[in-house]
Amino acid sequence: MSYFPMFIDIEGKHILVVGAGKIALRRVQTLLQFRAHIKVIAKEIPKEQKEAFHLLVSEGKIVLEEKAFEESDLTEAFFLVLAATNVKKLNHEICMLCRKRKILANTATDRTDCDFYFPAVAVQEELVVGITGDGSDHRKVAETAARIRKVLEMEHEEKNQSRKQRE
């Protein structure tokens, strides 16, 4: 497969996230920056993520259903689906169901099942930078994204200082 990097407007689009672990939470938090409507379905929420997910629900930012995923959960309303459970077989099944319904799907456990890769994202004012690799070195991608975020943050601070000096 050959992946082309592109940016898609997801504002107002319905996104389903199956799973509620560390990866799912990080992806939900990233997607919320782009004003998507997010529904999370998870049989269990790990205690480390429970408070964060419940806060997002109480703030009206996501819909959360604590139950096992069922095929009937996958409706045509969803623009894309993230299968982020810790069960590789379930993630694969979700991706195959999405493919039949022509819904874009991504799984956290097998890049060959993905229609797209979920990038590390850096956002600073009007700039959005997405970076991804081929899936073989997640740490390298994360470190590169962190360096990009740092550069963007430094430029933002310099811009603010210059503005203050002019005032």
N, C-alpha and C. Protein backbone atom coordinates (compact mmCIF):
# COMPACT_ATOMS: atom_id res chain seq x y z
N MET A 1 0.83 -1.19 0.00
CA MET A 1 0.00 0.00 0.00
C MET A 1 0.86 1.24 0.00
N SER A 2 0.33 2.28 -0.58
CA SER A 2 1.02 3.56 -0.63
C SER A 2 0.08 4.62 -0.07
N TYR A 3 0.49 5.26 1.02
CA TYR A 3 -0.38 6.22 1.70
C TYR A 3 -0.02 7.64 1.32
N PHE A 4 -1.04 8.42 0.95
CA PHE A 4 -0.88 9.82 0.62
C PHE A 4 -1.31 10.66 1.81
N PRO A 5 -0.45 11.57 2.27
CA PRO A 5 -0.85 12.41 3.42
C PRO A 5 -1.83 13.49 2.97
N MET A 6 -2.96 13.57 3.65
CA MET A 6 -3.94 14.61 3.33
C MET A 6 -4.69 15.00 4.58
N PHE A 7 -5.28 16.17 4.54
CA PHE A 7 -6.04 16.66 5.69
C PHE A 7 -7.50 16.69 5.31
N ILE A 8 -8.36 16.22 6.21
CA ILE A 8 -9.79 16.11 5.96
C ILE A 8 -10.54 16.93 7.00
N ASP A 9 -11.54 17.67 6.54
CA ASP A 9 -12.39 18.43 7.47
C ASP A 9 -13.31 17.44 8.18
N ILE A 10 -13.12 17.32 9.49
CA ILE A 10 -13.97 16.41 10.27
C ILE A 10 -14.93 17.17 11.18
N GLU A 11 -14.96 18.49 11.06
CA GLU A 11 -15.86 19.27 11.91
C GLU A 11 -17.30 18.83 11.68
N GLY A 12 -17.97 18.46 12.76
CA GLY A 12 -19.37 18.04 12.68
C GLY A 12 -19.57 16.60 12.21
N LYS A 13 -18.50 15.93 11.83
CA LYS A 13 -18.63 14.55 11.36
C LYS A 13 -18.69 13.60 12.56
N HIS A 14 -19.39 12.49 12.37
CA HIS A 14 -19.56 11.50 13.44
C HIS A 14 -18.44 10.47 13.37
N ILE A 15 -17.77 10.30 14.51
CA ILE A 15 -16.65 9.37 14.59
C ILE A 15 -16.92 8.41 15.75
N LEU A 16 -16.70 7.14 15.48
CA LEU A 16 -16.85 6.11 16.51
C LEU A 16 -15.47 5.64 16.94
N VAL A 17 -15.26 5.61 18.24
CA VAL A 17 -14.03 5.06 18.81
C VAL A 17 -14.44 3.86 19.66
N VAL A 18 -13.90 2.70 19.33
CA VAL A 18 -14.19 1.49 20.10
C VAL A 18 -12.96 1.20 20.95
N GLY A 19 -13.15 1.25 22.26
CA GLY A 19 -12.05 1.08 23.20
C GLY A 19 -11.89 2.35 24.02
N ALA A 20 -11.30 2.21 25.20
CA ALA A 20 -11.16 3.38 26.08
C ALA A 20 -9.85 3.35 26.86
N GLY A 21 -8.85 2.78 26.26
CA GLY A 21 -7.54 2.76 26.90
C GLY A 21 -6.75 4.03 26.61
N LYS A 22 -5.46 3.95 26.85
CA LYS A 22 -4.57 5.10 26.69
C LYS A 22 -4.56 5.62 25.25
N ILE A 23 -4.46 4.72 24.29
CA ILE A 23 -4.43 5.13 22.88
C ILE A 23 -5.76 5.75 22.48
N ALA A 24 -6.85 5.12 22.86
CA ALA A 24 -8.18 5.66 22.53
C ALA A 24 -8.35 7.06 23.10
N LEU A 25 -7.97 7.26 24.35
CA LEU A 25 -8.12 8.57 24.98
C LEU A 25 -7.28 9.62 24.26
N ARG A 26 -6.05 9.28 23.94
CA ARG A 26 -5.19 10.24 23.23
C ARG A 26 -5.79 10.61 21.88
N ARG A 27 -6.35 9.64 21.18
CA ARG A 27 -6.94 9.92 19.87
C ARG A 27 -8.22 10.74 20.00
N VAL A 28 -9.03 10.44 20.99
CA VAL A 28 -10.24 11.24 21.23
C VAL A 28 -9.86 12.69 21.52
N GLN A 29 -8.87 12.89 22.37
CA GLN A 29 -8.44 14.26 22.71
C GLN A 29 -7.93 15.00 21.48
N THR A 30 -7.25 14.30 20.60
CA THR A 30 -6.78 14.91 19.36
C THR A 30 -7.95 15.28 18.47
N LEU A 31 -8.88 14.36 18.28
CA LEU A 31 -10.03 14.60 17.40
C LEU A 31 -10.90 15.75 17.91
N LEU A 32 -11.01 15.90 19.20
CA LEU A 32 -11.84 16.97 19.76
C LEU A 32 -11.34 18.35 19.36
N GLN A 33 -10.05 18.48 19.09
CA GLN A 33 -9.50 19.77 18.65
C GLN A 33 -10.09 20.20 17.31
N PHE A 34 -10.66 19.25 16.58
CA PHE A 34 -11.17 19.52 15.24
C PHE A 34 -12.69 19.43 15.18
N ARG A 35 -13.34 19.51 16.33
CA ARG A 35 -14.78 19.65 16.50
C ARG A 35 -15.61 18.54 15.84
N ALA A 36 -15.13 17.31 15.97
CA ALA A 36 -15.91 16.16 15.50
C ALA A 36 -16.90 15.75 16.59
N HIS A 37 -17.95 15.04 16.19
CA HIS A 37 -18.90 14.44 17.14
C HIS A 37 -18.40 13.02 17.42
N ILE A 38 -18.03 12.76 18.66
CA ILE A 38 -17.38 11.50 18.98
C ILE A 38 -18.23 10.65 19.91
N LYS A 39 -18.35 9.39 19.52
CA LYS A 39 -19.00 8.39 20.37
C LYS A 39 -17.95 7.34 20.70
N VAL A 40 -17.85 7.00 21.97
CA VAL A 40 -16.91 5.98 22.42
C VAL A 40 -17.72 4.80 22.96
N ILE A 41 -17.38 3.62 22.50
CA ILE A 41 -17.98 2.39 23.02
C ILE A 41 -16.85 1.56 23.61
N ALA A 42 -17.02 1.19 24.86
CA ALA A 42 -15.98 0.38 25.51
C ALA A 42 -16.61 -0.54 26.54
N LYS A 43 -16.22 -1.79 26.46
CA LYS A 43 -16.71 -2.77 27.42
C LYS A 43 -16.23 -2.41 28.82
N GLU A 44 -14.98 -1.99 28.90
CA GLU A 44 -14.38 -1.57 30.17
C GLU A 44 -13.54 -0.33 29.94
N ILE A 45 -13.50 0.53 30.95
CA ILE A 45 -12.61 1.69 30.89
C ILE A 45 -11.54 1.47 31.95
N PRO A 46 -10.29 1.40 31.54
CA PRO A 46 -9.23 1.23 32.55
C PRO A 46 -9.28 2.36 33.57
N LYS A 47 -8.96 2.03 34.81
CA LYS A 47 -9.06 3.03 35.88
C LYS A 47 -8.21 4.26 35.59
N GLU A 48 -7.09 4.10 34.88
CA GLU A 48 -6.22 5.24 34.57
C GLU A 48 -6.89 6.24 33.62
N GLN A 49 -7.84 5.79 32.82
CA GLN A 49 -8.51 6.66 31.86
C GLN A 49 -9.94 7.02 32.26
N LYS A 50 -10.48 6.33 33.25
CA LYS A 50 -11.89 6.49 33.61
C LYS A 50 -12.25 7.95 33.91
N GLU A 51 -11.48 8.61 34.74
CA GLU A 51 -11.79 9.99 35.12
C GLU A 51 -11.79 10.92 33.90
N ALA A 52 -10.80 10.75 33.03
CA ALA A 52 -10.70 11.61 31.84
C ALA A 52 -11.90 11.42 30.92
N PHE A 53 -12.29 10.16 30.70
CA PHE A 53 -13.45 9.91 29.83
C PHE A 53 -14.73 10.46 30.46
N HIS A 54 -14.91 10.26 31.75
CA HIS A 54 -16.13 10.75 32.40
C HIS A 54 -16.18 12.28 32.42
N LEU A 55 -15.02 12.93 32.51
CA LEU A 55 -14.97 14.39 32.43
C LEU A 55 -15.41 14.86 31.05
N LEU A 56 -14.94 14.19 30.00
CA LEU A 56 -15.34 14.55 28.64
C LEU A 56 -16.85 14.39 28.45
N VAL A 57 -17.41 13.35 29.06
CA VAL A 57 -18.87 13.15 29.00
C VAL A 57 -19.58 14.28 29.74
N SER A 58 -19.13 14.59 30.95
CA SER A 58 -19.80 15.63 31.76
C SER A 58 -19.71 17.00 31.11
N GLU A 59 -18.67 17.23 30.32
CA GLU A 59 -18.51 18.49 29.60
C GLU A 59 -19.27 18.50 28.28
N GLY A 60 -19.93 17.38 27.95
CA GLY A 60 -20.70 17.29 26.72
C GLY A 60 -19.85 17.15 25.47
N LYS A 61 -18.61 16.72 25.63
CA LYS A 61 -17.70 16.64 24.49
C LYS A 61 -17.78 15.31 23.75
N ILE A 62 -18.18 14.25 24.46
CA ILE A 62 -18.31 12.93 23.83
C ILE A 62 -19.55 12.23 24.37
N VAL A 63 -19.95 11.20 23.65
CA VAL A 63 -20.97 10.27 24.13
C VAL A 63 -20.22 8.98 24.45
N LEU A 64 -20.51 8.40 25.59
CA LEU A 64 -19.81 7.19 26.03
C LEU A 64 -20.82 6.11 26.36
N GLU A 65 -20.63 4.94 25.78
CA GLU A 65 -21.44 3.77 26.11
C GLU A 65 -20.51 2.69 26.66
N GLU A 66 -20.73 2.33 27.91
CA GLU A 66 -19.91 1.29 28.53
C GLU A 66 -20.59 -0.05 28.29
N LYS A 67 -20.22 -0.68 27.18
CA LYS A 67 -20.79 -1.96 26.77
C LYS A 67 -19.88 -2.58 25.72
N ALA A 68 -20.13 -3.83 25.44
CA ALA A 68 -19.37 -4.51 24.38
C ALA A 68 -19.83 -3.99 23.02
N PHE A 69 -18.90 -3.87 22.08
CA PHE A 69 -19.23 -3.46 20.71
C PHE A 69 -20.06 -4.55 20.05
N GLU A 70 -21.09 -4.10 19.32
CA GLU A 70 -21.92 -5.01 18.53
C GLU A 70 -21.97 -4.48 17.11
N GLU A 71 -22.16 -5.36 16.16
CA GLU A 71 -22.21 -4.95 14.76
C GLU A 71 -23.26 -3.87 14.54
N SER A 72 -24.37 -3.93 15.27
CA SER A 72 -25.44 -2.93 15.11
C SER A 72 -25.02 -1.53 15.56
N ASP A 73 -23.91 -1.42 16.29
CA ASP A 73 -23.40 -0.10 16.70
C ASP A 73 -22.84 0.68 15.51
N LEU A 74 -22.49 -0.04 14.47
CA LEU A 74 -21.84 0.55 13.31
C LEU A 74 -22.89 1.01 12.30
N THR A 75 -23.27 2.26 12.39
CA THR A 75 -24.30 2.79 11.49
C THR A 75 -23.65 3.62 10.39
N GLU A 76 -24.44 3.90 9.37
CA GLU A 76 -23.97 4.69 8.24
C GLU A 76 -23.67 6.14 8.63
N ALA A 77 -24.10 6.55 9.81
CA ALA A 77 -23.85 7.92 10.27
C ALA A 77 -22.36 8.18 10.50
N PHE A 78 -21.59 7.13 10.73
CA PHE A 78 -20.18 7.32 11.06
C PHE A 78 -19.33 7.57 9.82
N PHE A 79 -18.57 8.64 9.88
CA PHE A 79 -17.64 9.00 8.81
C PHE A 79 -16.39 8.14 8.89
N LEU A 80 -15.93 7.94 10.12
CA LEU A 80 -14.78 7.06 10.32
C LEU A 80 -14.84 6.40 11.68
N VAL A 81 -14.10 5.31 11.80
CA VAL A 81 -14.11 4.50 13.02
C VAL A 81 -12.66 4.21 13.42
N LEU A 82 -12.41 4.33 14.72
CA LEU A 82 -11.11 3.96 15.28
C LEU A 82 -11.32 2.74 16.17
N ALA A 83 -10.72 1.63 15.79
CA ALA A 83 -10.78 0.41 16.60
C ALA A 83 -9.55 0.41 17.49
N ALA A 84 -9.75 0.77 18.76
CA ALA A 84 -8.62 0.94 19.67
C ALA A 84 -8.78 0.10 20.93
N THR A 85 -9.21 -1.13 20.75
CA THR A 85 -9.31 -2.04 21.90
C THR A 85 -7.97 -2.76 22.06
N ASN A 86 -7.84 -3.52 23.12
CA ASN A 86 -6.62 -4.31 23.30
C ASN A 86 -6.80 -5.74 22.77
N VAL A 87 -7.85 -5.93 21.96
CA VAL A 87 -8.13 -7.25 21.39
C VAL A 87 -7.96 -7.16 19.87
N LYS A 88 -6.84 -7.67 19.39
CA LYS A 88 -6.50 -7.56 17.97
C LYS A 88 -7.59 -8.14 17.05
N LYS A 89 -8.15 -9.28 17.43
CA LYS A 89 -9.18 -9.92 16.61
C LYS A 89 -10.42 -9.03 16.49
N LEU A 90 -10.83 -8.42 17.59
CA LEU A 90 -11.99 -7.52 17.57
C LEU A 90 -11.70 -6.30 16.71
N ASN A 91 -10.52 -5.72 16.85
CA ASN A 91 -10.15 -4.57 16.02
C ASN A 91 -10.21 -4.93 14.54
N HIS A 92 -9.70 -6.11 14.20
CA HIS A 92 -9.74 -6.58 12.81
C HIS A 92 -11.19 -6.72 12.32
N GLU A 93 -12.03 -7.34 13.14
CA GLU A 93 -13.44 -7.52 12.77
C GLU A 93 -14.13 -6.17 12.54
N ILE A 94 -13.85 -5.21 13.41
CA ILE A 94 -14.44 -3.88 13.26
C ILE A 94 -14.00 -3.26 11.94
N CYS A 95 -12.72 -3.37 11.63
CA CYS A 95 -12.22 -2.80 10.37
C CYS A 95 -12.85 -3.47 9.15
N MET A 96 -13.04 -4.78 9.21
CA MET A 96 -13.66 -5.49 8.09
C MET A 96 -15.13 -5.09 7.93
N LEU A 97 -15.84 -4.90 9.04
CA LEU A 97 -17.23 -4.43 8.97
C LEU A 97 -17.28 -3.03 8.36
N CYS A 98 -16.36 -2.19 8.74
CA CYS A 98 -16.31 -0.83 8.19
C CYS A 98 -16.04 -0.87 6.69
N ARG A 99 -15.12 -1.71 6.29
CA ARG A 99 -14.77 -1.81 4.88
C ARG A 99 -16.00 -2.20 4.05
N LYS A 100 -16.80 -3.15 4.55
CA LYS A 100 -18.02 -3.56 3.85
C LYS A 100 -18.99 -2.39 3.70
N ARG A 101 -19.00 -1.51 4.70
CA ARG A 101 -19.93 -0.38 4.70
C ARG A 101 -19.31 0.89 4.11
N LYS A 102 -18.08 0.78 3.62
CA LYS A 102 -17.36 1.91 3.03
C LYS A 102 -17.16 3.05 4.03
N ILE A 103 -16.86 2.68 5.27
CA ILE A 103 -16.54 3.63 6.33
C ILE A 103 -15.04 3.54 6.57
N LEU A 104 -14.37 4.67 6.59
CA LEU A 104 -12.93 4.68 6.84
C LEU A 104 -12.64 4.11 8.23
N ALA A 105 -11.63 3.25 8.31
CA ALA A 105 -11.32 2.61 9.60
C ALA A 105 -9.82 2.61 9.86
N ASN A 106 -9.52 2.65 11.15
CA ASN A 106 -8.15 2.59 11.63
C ASN A 106 -8.13 1.69 12.85
N THR A 107 -7.09 0.91 12.97
CA THR A 107 -6.93 0.09 14.16
C THR A 107 -5.58 0.37 14.81
N ALA A 108 -5.57 0.29 16.10
CA ALA A 108 -4.33 0.53 16.85
C ALA A 108 -3.43 -0.71 16.87
N THR A 109 -3.91 -1.83 16.35
CA THR A 109 -3.15 -3.08 16.51
C THR A 109 -2.58 -3.69 15.24
N ASP A 110 -3.02 -3.26 14.05
CA ASP A 110 -2.51 -3.88 12.83
C ASP A 110 -2.61 -2.88 11.67
N ARG A 111 -1.49 -2.33 11.29
CA ARG A 111 -1.51 -1.29 10.26
C ARG A 111 -2.03 -1.79 8.92
N THR A 112 -1.97 -3.11 8.67
CA THR A 112 -2.47 -3.62 7.40
C THR A 112 -4.00 -3.57 7.32
N ASP A 113 -4.67 -3.42 8.45
CA ASP A 113 -6.13 -3.29 8.46
C ASP A 113 -6.59 -1.84 8.27
N CYS A 114 -5.66 -0.90 8.31
CA CYS A 114 -6.01 0.53 8.32
C CYS A 114 -6.27 1.09 6.93
N ASP A 115 -7.32 1.91 6.83
CA ASP A 115 -7.54 2.70 5.62
C ASP A 115 -6.72 3.98 5.68
N PHE A 116 -6.33 4.37 6.88
CA PHE A 116 -5.51 5.57 7.09
C PHE A 116 -4.72 5.38 8.37
N TYR A 117 -3.64 6.10 8.47
CA TYR A 117 -2.87 6.10 9.72
C TYR A 117 -3.28 7.32 10.52
N PHE A 118 -3.32 7.18 11.82
CA PHE A 118 -3.66 8.30 12.70
C PHE A 118 -2.35 9.01 13.03
N PRO A 119 -2.22 10.27 12.61
CA PRO A 119 -0.94 10.95 12.79
C PRO A 119 -0.74 11.51 14.20
N ALA A 120 0.51 11.76 14.53
CA ALA A 120 0.81 12.60 15.67
C ALA A 120 0.54 14.02 15.17
N VAL A 121 -0.13 14.82 15.97
CA VAL A 121 -0.58 16.13 15.51
C VAL A 121 0.02 17.23 16.37
N ALA A 122 0.43 18.30 15.71
CA ALA A 122 0.89 19.51 16.39
C ALA A 122 0.03 20.65 15.88
N VAL A 123 -0.61 21.37 16.79
CA VAL A 123 -1.49 22.48 16.42
C VAL A 123 -0.99 23.74 17.10
N GLN A 124 -0.85 24.81 16.34
CA GLN A 124 -0.46 26.10 16.89
C GLN A 124 -1.11 27.18 16.04
N GLU A 125 -2.09 27.84 16.61
CA GLU A 125 -2.85 28.87 15.91
C GLU A 125 -3.35 28.33 14.58
N GLU A 126 -2.91 28.95 13.47
CA GLU A 126 -3.43 28.58 12.16
C GLU A 126 -2.71 27.38 11.54
N LEU A 127 -1.71 26.85 12.22
CA LEU A 127 -0.94 25.74 11.68
C LEU A 127 -1.38 24.40 12.27
N VAL A 128 -1.46 23.41 11.40
CA VAL A 128 -1.71 22.03 11.82
C VAL A 128 -0.67 21.18 11.10
N VAL A 129 0.10 20.44 11.88
CA VAL A 129 1.12 19.56 11.32
C VAL A 129 0.78 18.14 11.74
N GLY A 130 0.74 17.25 10.77
CA GLY A 130 0.52 15.84 11.06
C GLY A 130 1.74 15.05 10.62
N ILE A 131 2.16 14.12 11.44
CA ILE A 131 3.32 13.30 11.08
C ILE A 131 3.02 11.84 11.40
N THR A 132 3.42 10.99 10.48
CA THR A 132 3.23 9.56 10.69
C THR A 132 4.37 8.82 10.02
N GLY A 133 4.53 7.59 10.39
CA GLY A 133 5.54 6.74 9.77
C GLY A 133 4.86 5.53 9.17
N ASP A 134 5.64 4.52 8.90
CA ASP A 134 5.06 3.32 8.31
C ASP A 134 4.56 2.34 9.36
N GLY A 135 4.59 2.75 10.63
CA GLY A 135 4.10 1.90 11.70
C GLY A 135 5.19 1.09 12.39
N SER A 136 6.41 1.16 11.89
CA SER A 136 7.48 0.33 12.45
C SER A 136 8.19 0.98 13.63
N ASP A 137 8.09 2.31 13.77
CA ASP A 137 8.81 2.99 14.85
C ASP A 137 7.96 4.13 15.42
N HIS A 138 7.02 3.77 16.29
CA HIS A 138 6.12 4.76 16.89
C HIS A 138 6.87 5.78 17.73
N ARG A 139 7.93 5.35 18.39
CA ARG A 139 8.70 6.26 19.24
C ARG A 139 9.34 7.38 18.40
N LYS A 140 9.88 7.02 17.25
CA LYS A 140 10.51 8.02 16.38
C LYS A 140 9.49 9.07 15.94
N VAL A 141 8.30 8.62 15.60
CA VAL A 141 7.23 9.55 15.21
C VAL A 141 6.87 10.46 16.38
N ALA A 142 6.69 9.88 17.56
CA ALA A 142 6.33 10.67 18.74
C ALA A 142 7.41 11.70 19.08
N GLU A 143 8.67 11.29 19.00
CA GLU A 143 9.77 12.21 19.30
C GLU A 143 9.85 13.34 18.27
N THR A 144 9.65 13.00 17.01
CA THR A 144 9.68 14.02 15.96
C THR A 144 8.52 15.00 16.14
N ALA A 145 7.35 14.48 16.45
CA ALA A 145 6.19 15.35 16.69
C ALA A 145 6.44 16.27 17.88
N ALA A 146 7.05 15.74 18.93
CA ALA A 146 7.35 16.56 20.11
C ALA A 146 8.31 17.70 19.75
N ARG A 147 9.30 17.40 18.91
CA ARG A 147 10.24 18.45 18.48
C ARG A 147 9.51 19.51 17.65
N ILE A 148 8.62 19.09 16.79
CA ILE A 148 7.85 20.04 15.98
C ILE A 148 6.97 20.90 16.88
N ARG A 149 6.31 20.30 17.86
CA ARG A 149 5.48 21.07 18.80
C ARG A 149 6.32 22.11 19.53
N LYS A 150 7.52 21.72 19.92
CA LYS A 150 8.40 22.64 20.64
C LYS A 150 8.78 23.83 19.75
N VAL A 151 9.12 23.57 18.50
CA VAL A 151 9.46 24.65 17.56
C VAL A 151 8.27 25.57 17.38
N LEU A 152 7.09 25.02 17.18
CA LEU A 152 5.89 25.84 17.00
C LEU A 152 5.60 26.67 18.24
N GLU A 153 5.78 26.08 19.40
CA GLU A 153 5.55 26.79 20.66
C GLU A 153 6.56 27.94 20.82
N MET A 154 7.82 27.67 20.49
CA MET A 154 8.84 28.72 20.60
C MET A 154 8.53 29.87 19.64
N GLU A 155 8.14 29.55 18.42
CA GLU A 155 7.78 30.59 17.45
C GLU A 155 6.58 31.40 17.92
N HIS A 156 5.62 30.73 18.52
CA HIS A 156 4.44 31.40 19.06
C HIS A 156 4.84 32.36 20.18
N GLU A 157 5.70 31.91 21.07
CA GLU A 157 6.17 32.76 22.17
C GLU A 157 6.95 33.96 21.65
N GLU A 158 7.82 33.74 20.66
CA GLU A 158 8.58 34.84 20.07
C GLU A 158 7.65 35.86 19.43
N LYS A 159 6.65 35.38 18.75
CA LYS A 159 5.67 36.25 18.10
C LYS A 159 4.94 37.09 19.15
N ASN A 160 4.54 36.47 20.25
CA ASN A 160 3.85 37.20 21.33
C ASN A 160 4.76 38.22 21.97
N GLN A 161 6.03 37.88 22.18
CA GLN A 161 6.98 38.83 22.78
C GLN A 161 7.20 40.02 21.85
N SER A 162 7.33 39.77 20.56
CA SER A 162 7.50 40.86 19.59
C SER A 162 6.29 41.79 19.60
N ARG A 163 5.11 41.20 19.67
CA ARG A 163 3.88 41.98 19.69
C ARG A 163 3.82 42.85 20.95
N LYS A 164 4.20 42.29 22.09
CA LYS A 164 4.19 43.04 23.35
C LYS A 164 5.20 44.19 23.32
N GLN A 165 6.35 43.95 22.70
CA GLN A 165 7.37 45.00 22.62
C GLN A 165 6.91 46.16 21.75
N ARG A 166 6.13 45.87 20.72
CA ARG A 166 5.62 46.93 19.83
C ARG A 166 4.54 47.76 20.50
N GLU A 167 3.87 47.19 21.48
CA GLU A 167 2.75 47.89 22.13
C GLU A 167 3.21 48.88 23.11
